[in-house]
Protein backbone atom coordinates (compact mmCIF):
# COMPACT_ATOMS: atom_id res chain seq x y z
CA UNK A 1 0.00 0.00 0.00
CA UNK A 2 1.11 3.50 -0.72
CA UNK A 3 2.63 5.32 2.22
CA UNK A 4 0.91 8.51 1.06
CA UNK A 5 -2.51 6.93 1.59
CA UNK A 6 -4.18 8.15 4.78
CA UNK A 7 -4.52 5.88 7.80
CA UNK A 8 -8.33 5.76 7.64
CA UNK A 9 -8.21 4.93 3.91
CA UNK A 10 -5.79 2.09 4.59
CA UNK A 11 -8.18 0.78 7.25
CA UNK A 12 -11.16 1.06 4.89
CA UNK A 13 -9.23 -0.83 2.19
CA UNK A 14 -8.75 -3.73 4.62
CA UNK A 15 -12.35 -3.74 5.84
CA UNK A 16 -13.61 -3.88 2.23
CA UNK A 17 -11.74 -7.21 1.89
CA UNK A 18 -13.45 -9.00 4.80
CA UNK A 19 -15.53 -11.67 3.06
CA UNK A 20 -19.27 -11.99 3.57
CA UNK A 21 -19.93 -14.54 6.32
CA UNK A 22 -16.71 -13.71 8.17
CA UNK A 23 -15.53 -11.17 10.72
CA UNK A 24 -12.19 -9.65 11.64
CA UNK A 25 -10.99 -8.20 14.92
CA UNK A 26 -9.93 -4.59 15.33
CA UNK A 27 -6.37 -5.85 15.84
CA UNK A 28 -6.39 -7.90 12.63
CA UNK A 29 -7.57 -4.89 10.65
CA UNK A 30 -4.94 -2.71 12.33
CA UNK A 31 -2.12 -5.14 11.48
CA UNK A 32 -3.24 -5.45 7.87
CA UNK A 33 -3.53 -1.66 7.59
CA UNK A 34 0.09 -1.29 8.64
CA UNK A 35 0.37 -1.08 12.42
CA UNK A 36 -0.79 -3.70 14.89
CA UNK A 37 -1.12 -0.97 17.54
CA UNK A 38 -3.87 0.84 15.61
CA UNK A 39 -6.78 -1.19 17.01
CA UNK A 40 -8.26 1.90 18.68
CA UNK A 41 -7.66 3.94 15.52
CA UNK A 42 -9.61 1.29 13.61
CA UNK A 43 -12.54 1.96 15.94
CA UNK A 44 -12.32 5.70 15.27
CA UNK A 45 -12.13 5.13 11.52
CA UNK A 46 -15.13 2.82 11.50
CA UNK A 47 -17.15 5.27 13.58
CA UNK A 48 -16.42 7.90 10.89
CA UNK A 49 -17.11 5.48 8.01
CA UNK A 50 -18.13 7.67 5.03
CA UNK A 51 -19.66 4.74 3.08
CA UNK A 52 -21.35 2.14 5.33
CA UNK A 53 -22.80 0.35 2.29
CA UNK A 54 -19.40 -0.01 0.62
CA UNK A 55 -17.24 -0.43 3.74
CA UNK A 56 -18.79 -3.23 5.85
CA UNK A 57 -17.64 -1.98 9.25
CA UNK A 58 -20.18 -4.24 10.95
CA UNK A 59 -17.86 -7.17 10.14
CA UNK A 60 -15.28 -5.85 12.63
CA UNK A 61 -15.62 -7.17 16.20
CA UNK A 62 -13.46 -7.45 19.30
CA UNK A 63 -10.80 -10.17 19.48
CA UNK A 64 -13.25 -12.14 21.64
CA UNK A 65 -15.95 -11.74 18.96
CA UNK A 66 -17.94 -9.05 20.75
CA UNK A 67 -20.10 -6.63 18.81
CA UNK A 68 -19.85 -2.89 19.44
CA UNK A 69 -22.18 -1.43 22.05
CA UNK A 70 -21.69 1.89 20.22
CA UNK A 71 -22.07 0.71 16.61
CA UNK A 72 -22.28 4.01 14.72
CA UNK A 73 -24.92 2.95 12.23
CA UNK A 74 -27.89 1.95 14.33
CA UNK A 75 -26.40 0.55 17.53
CA UNK A 76 -25.56 -2.94 18.74
CA UNK A 77 -28.82 -4.52 17.54
CA UNK A 78 -28.27 -3.22 14.00
CA UNK A 79 -24.74 -4.66 13.91
CA UNK A 80 -26.16 -8.01 15.03
CA UNK A 81 -28.88 -7.80 12.36
CA UNK A 82 -26.30 -7.10 9.64
CA UNK A 83 -24.04 -9.94 10.81
CA UNK A 84 -26.95 -12.37 10.88
CA UNK A 85 -27.97 -11.24 7.38
CA UNK A 86 -24.44 -12.32 6.35
CA UNK A 87 -25.09 -15.77 7.84
CA UNK A 88 -23.09 -15.15 11.02
CA UNK A 89 -24.69 -16.41 14.22
CA UNK A 90 -24.47 -14.00 17.16
CA UNK A 91 -25.06 -15.42 20.66
CA UNK A 92 -25.22 -13.08 23.65
CA UNK A 93 -23.59 -10.30 21.64
CA UNK A 94 -20.68 -12.46 20.50
CA UNK A 95 -19.54 -14.19 17.33
CA UNK A 96 -17.65 -17.51 17.42
CA UNK A 97 -14.23 -16.37 16.16
CA UNK A 98 -13.11 -19.94 15.49
CA UNK A 99 -16.06 -20.45 13.17
CA UNK A 100 -16.47 -17.01 11.60
CA UNK A 101 -13.06 -15.37 12.02
CA UNK A 102 -11.42 -14.18 8.80
CA UNK A 103 -8.46 -16.24 7.76
CA UNK A 104 -6.41 -13.18 6.99
CA UNK A 105 -3.94 -13.16 4.14
CA UNK A 106 -0.27 -13.37 5.00
CA UNK A 107 1.12 -10.06 6.23
C-alpha atoms as a PDB file:
ATOM      1  CA  UNK A   1       0.000   0.000   0.000  1.00  0.00           C
ATOM      2  CA  UNK A   2       1.108   3.503  -0.724  1.00  0.00           C
ATOM      3  CA  UNK A   3       2.632   5.325   2.220  1.00  0.00           C
ATOM      4  CA  UNK A   4       0.909   8.509   1.057  1.00  0.00           C
ATOM      5  CA  UNK A   5      -2.508   6.926   1.588  1.00  0.00           C
ATOM      6  CA  UNK A   6      -4.185   8.147   4.783  1.00  0.00           C
ATOM      7  CA  UNK A   7      -4.524   5.884   7.804  1.00  0.00           C
ATOM      8  CA  UNK A   8      -8.327   5.756   7.637  1.00  0.00           C
ATOM      9  CA  UNK A   9      -8.215   4.932   3.905  1.00  0.00           C
ATOM     10  CA  UNK A  10      -5.790   2.092   4.592  1.00  0.00           C
ATOM     11  CA  UNK A  11      -8.180   0.780   7.252  1.00  0.00           C
ATOM     12  CA  UNK A  12     -11.162   1.062   4.887  1.00  0.00           C
ATOM     13  CA  UNK A  13      -9.230  -0.826   2.193  1.00  0.00           C
ATOM     14  CA  UNK A  14      -8.746  -3.733   4.618  1.00  0.00           C
ATOM     15  CA  UNK A  15     -12.350  -3.736   5.840  1.00  0.00           C
ATOM     16  CA  UNK A  16     -13.606  -3.881   2.230  1.00  0.00           C
ATOM     17  CA  UNK A  17     -11.738  -7.206   1.886  1.00  0.00           C
ATOM     18  CA  UNK A  18     -13.448  -8.999   4.800  1.00  0.00           C
ATOM     19  CA  UNK A  19     -15.530 -11.668   3.065  1.00  0.00           C
ATOM     20  CA  UNK A  20     -19.273 -11.994   3.569  1.00  0.00           C
ATOM     21  CA  UNK A  21     -19.932 -14.538   6.322  1.00  0.00           C
ATOM     22  CA  UNK A  22     -16.706 -13.714   8.169  1.00  0.00           C
ATOM     23  CA  UNK A  23     -15.530 -11.168  10.715  1.00  0.00           C
ATOM     24  CA  UNK A  24     -12.186  -9.653  11.643  1.00  0.00           C
ATOM     25  CA  UNK A  25     -10.986  -8.197  14.919  1.00  0.00           C
ATOM     26  CA  UNK A  26      -9.933  -4.593  15.326  1.00  0.00           C
ATOM     27  CA  UNK A  27      -6.365  -5.855  15.836  1.00  0.00           C
ATOM     28  CA  UNK A  28      -6.389  -7.898  12.625  1.00  0.00           C
ATOM     29  CA  UNK A  29      -7.571  -4.885  10.654  1.00  0.00           C
ATOM     30  CA  UNK A  30      -4.939  -2.712  12.326  1.00  0.00           C
ATOM     31  CA  UNK A  31      -2.119  -5.141  11.478  1.00  0.00           C
ATOM     32  CA  UNK A  32      -3.243  -5.453   7.865  1.00  0.00           C
ATOM     33  CA  UNK A  33      -3.525  -1.658   7.587  1.00  0.00           C
ATOM     34  CA  UNK A  34       0.093  -1.295   8.636  1.00  0.00           C
ATOM     35  CA  UNK A  35       0.373  -1.075  12.419  1.00  0.00           C
ATOM     36  CA  UNK A  36      -0.795  -3.702  14.893  1.00  0.00           C
ATOM     37  CA  UNK A  37      -1.124  -0.967  17.542  1.00  0.00           C
ATOM     38  CA  UNK A  38      -3.866   0.841  15.610  1.00  0.00           C
ATOM     39  CA  UNK A  39      -6.782  -1.191  17.011  1.00  0.00           C
ATOM     40  CA  UNK A  40      -8.261   1.899  18.677  1.00  0.00           C
ATOM     41  CA  UNK A  41      -7.660   3.936  15.523  1.00  0.00           C
ATOM     42  CA  UNK A  42      -9.615   1.285  13.606  1.00  0.00           C
ATOM     43  CA  UNK A  43     -12.541   1.959  15.939  1.00  0.00           C
ATOM     44  CA  UNK A  44     -12.321   5.704  15.275  1.00  0.00           C
ATOM     45  CA  UNK A  45     -12.128   5.131  11.519  1.00  0.00           C
ATOM     46  CA  UNK A  46     -15.134   2.818  11.504  1.00  0.00           C
ATOM     47  CA  UNK A  47     -17.150   5.266  13.580  1.00  0.00           C
ATOM     48  CA  UNK A  48     -16.422   7.902  10.893  1.00  0.00           C
ATOM     49  CA  UNK A  49     -17.106   5.482   8.009  1.00  0.00           C
ATOM     50  CA  UNK A  50     -18.133   7.666   5.031  1.00  0.00           C
ATOM     51  CA  UNK A  51     -19.660   4.736   3.084  1.00  0.00           C
ATOM     52  CA  UNK A  52     -21.353   2.138   5.332  1.00  0.00           C
ATOM     53  CA  UNK A  53     -22.798   0.354   2.287  1.00  0.00           C
ATOM     54  CA  UNK A  54     -19.396  -0.015   0.625  1.00  0.00           C
ATOM     55  CA  UNK A  55     -17.236  -0.427   3.743  1.00  0.00           C
ATOM     56  CA  UNK A  56     -18.788  -3.233   5.849  1.00  0.00           C
ATOM     57  CA  UNK A  57     -17.645  -1.978   9.249  1.00  0.00           C
ATOM     58  CA  UNK A  58     -20.185  -4.244  10.955  1.00  0.00           C
ATOM     59  CA  UNK A  59     -17.856  -7.175  10.135  1.00  0.00           C
ATOM     60  CA  UNK A  60     -15.279  -5.849  12.633  1.00  0.00           C
ATOM     61  CA  UNK A  61     -15.620  -7.169  16.196  1.00  0.00           C
ATOM     62  CA  UNK A  62     -13.456  -7.452  19.302  1.00  0.00           C
ATOM     63  CA  UNK A  63     -10.803 -10.172  19.480  1.00  0.00           C
ATOM     64  CA  UNK A  64     -13.253 -12.142  21.636  1.00  0.00           C
ATOM     65  CA  UNK A  65     -15.948 -11.744  18.963  1.00  0.00           C
ATOM     66  CA  UNK A  66     -17.943  -9.052  20.750  1.00  0.00           C
ATOM     67  CA  UNK A  67     -20.099  -6.631  18.814  1.00  0.00           C
ATOM     68  CA  UNK A  68     -19.852  -2.890  19.440  1.00  0.00           C
ATOM     69  CA  UNK A  69     -22.184  -1.430  22.050  1.00  0.00           C
ATOM     70  CA  UNK A  70     -21.687   1.894  20.216  1.00  0.00           C
ATOM     71  CA  UNK A  71     -22.066   0.711  16.605  1.00  0.00           C
ATOM     72  CA  UNK A  72     -22.277   4.014  14.720  1.00  0.00           C
ATOM     73  CA  UNK A  73     -24.915   2.948  12.225  1.00  0.00           C
ATOM     74  CA  UNK A  74     -27.894   1.945  14.335  1.00  0.00           C
ATOM     75  CA  UNK A  75     -26.399   0.550  17.530  1.00  0.00           C
ATOM     76  CA  UNK A  76     -25.560  -2.939  18.744  1.00  0.00           C
ATOM     77  CA  UNK A  77     -28.818  -4.517  17.537  1.00  0.00           C
ATOM     78  CA  UNK A  78     -28.270  -3.219  14.004  1.00  0.00           C
ATOM     79  CA  UNK A  79     -24.740  -4.661  13.914  1.00  0.00           C
ATOM     80  CA  UNK A  80     -26.159  -8.015  15.031  1.00  0.00           C
ATOM     81  CA  UNK A  81     -28.885  -7.802  12.365  1.00  0.00           C
ATOM     82  CA  UNK A  82     -26.299  -7.101   9.638  1.00  0.00           C
ATOM     83  CA  UNK A  83     -24.040  -9.943  10.808  1.00  0.00           C
ATOM     84  CA  UNK A  84     -26.950 -12.371  10.881  1.00  0.00           C
ATOM     85  CA  UNK A  85     -27.970 -11.244   7.380  1.00  0.00           C
ATOM     86  CA  UNK A  86     -24.436 -12.318   6.346  1.00  0.00           C
ATOM     87  CA  UNK A  87     -25.088 -15.768   7.841  1.00  0.00           C
ATOM     88  CA  UNK A  88     -23.094 -15.145  11.019  1.00  0.00           C
ATOM     89  CA  UNK A  89     -24.689 -16.409  14.225  1.00  0.00           C
ATOM     90  CA  UNK A  90     -24.469 -14.003  17.163  1.00  0.00           C
ATOM     91  CA  UNK A  91     -25.057 -15.417  20.657  1.00  0.00           C
ATOM     92  CA  UNK A  92     -25.221 -13.083  23.654  1.00  0.00           C
ATOM     93  CA  UNK A  93     -23.588 -10.302  21.642  1.00  0.00           C
ATOM     94  CA  UNK A  94     -20.675 -12.464  20.499  1.00  0.00           C
ATOM     95  CA  UNK A  95     -19.544 -14.194  17.331  1.00  0.00           C
ATOM     96  CA  UNK A  96     -17.652 -17.508  17.418  1.00  0.00           C
ATOM     97  CA  UNK A  97     -14.235 -16.374  16.162  1.00  0.00           C
ATOM     98  CA  UNK A  98     -13.108 -19.943  15.488  1.00  0.00           C
ATOM     99  CA  UNK A  99     -16.064 -20.454  13.169  1.00  0.00           C
ATOM    100  CA  UNK A 100     -16.471 -17.010  11.600  1.00  0.00           C
ATOM    101  CA  UNK A 101     -13.057 -15.375  12.020  1.00  0.00           C
ATOM    102  CA  UNK A 102     -11.423 -14.183   8.804  1.00  0.00           C
ATOM    103  CA  UNK A 103      -8.457 -16.240   7.759  1.00  0.00           C
ATOM    104  CA  UNK A 104      -6.411 -13.177   6.993  1.00  0.00           C
ATOM    105  CA  UNK A 105      -3.942 -13.159   4.139  1.00  0.00           C
ATOM    106  CA  UNK A 106      -0.267 -13.374   5.003  1.00  0.00           C
ATOM    107  CA  UNK A 107       1.123 -10.055   6.231  1.00  0.00           C
END
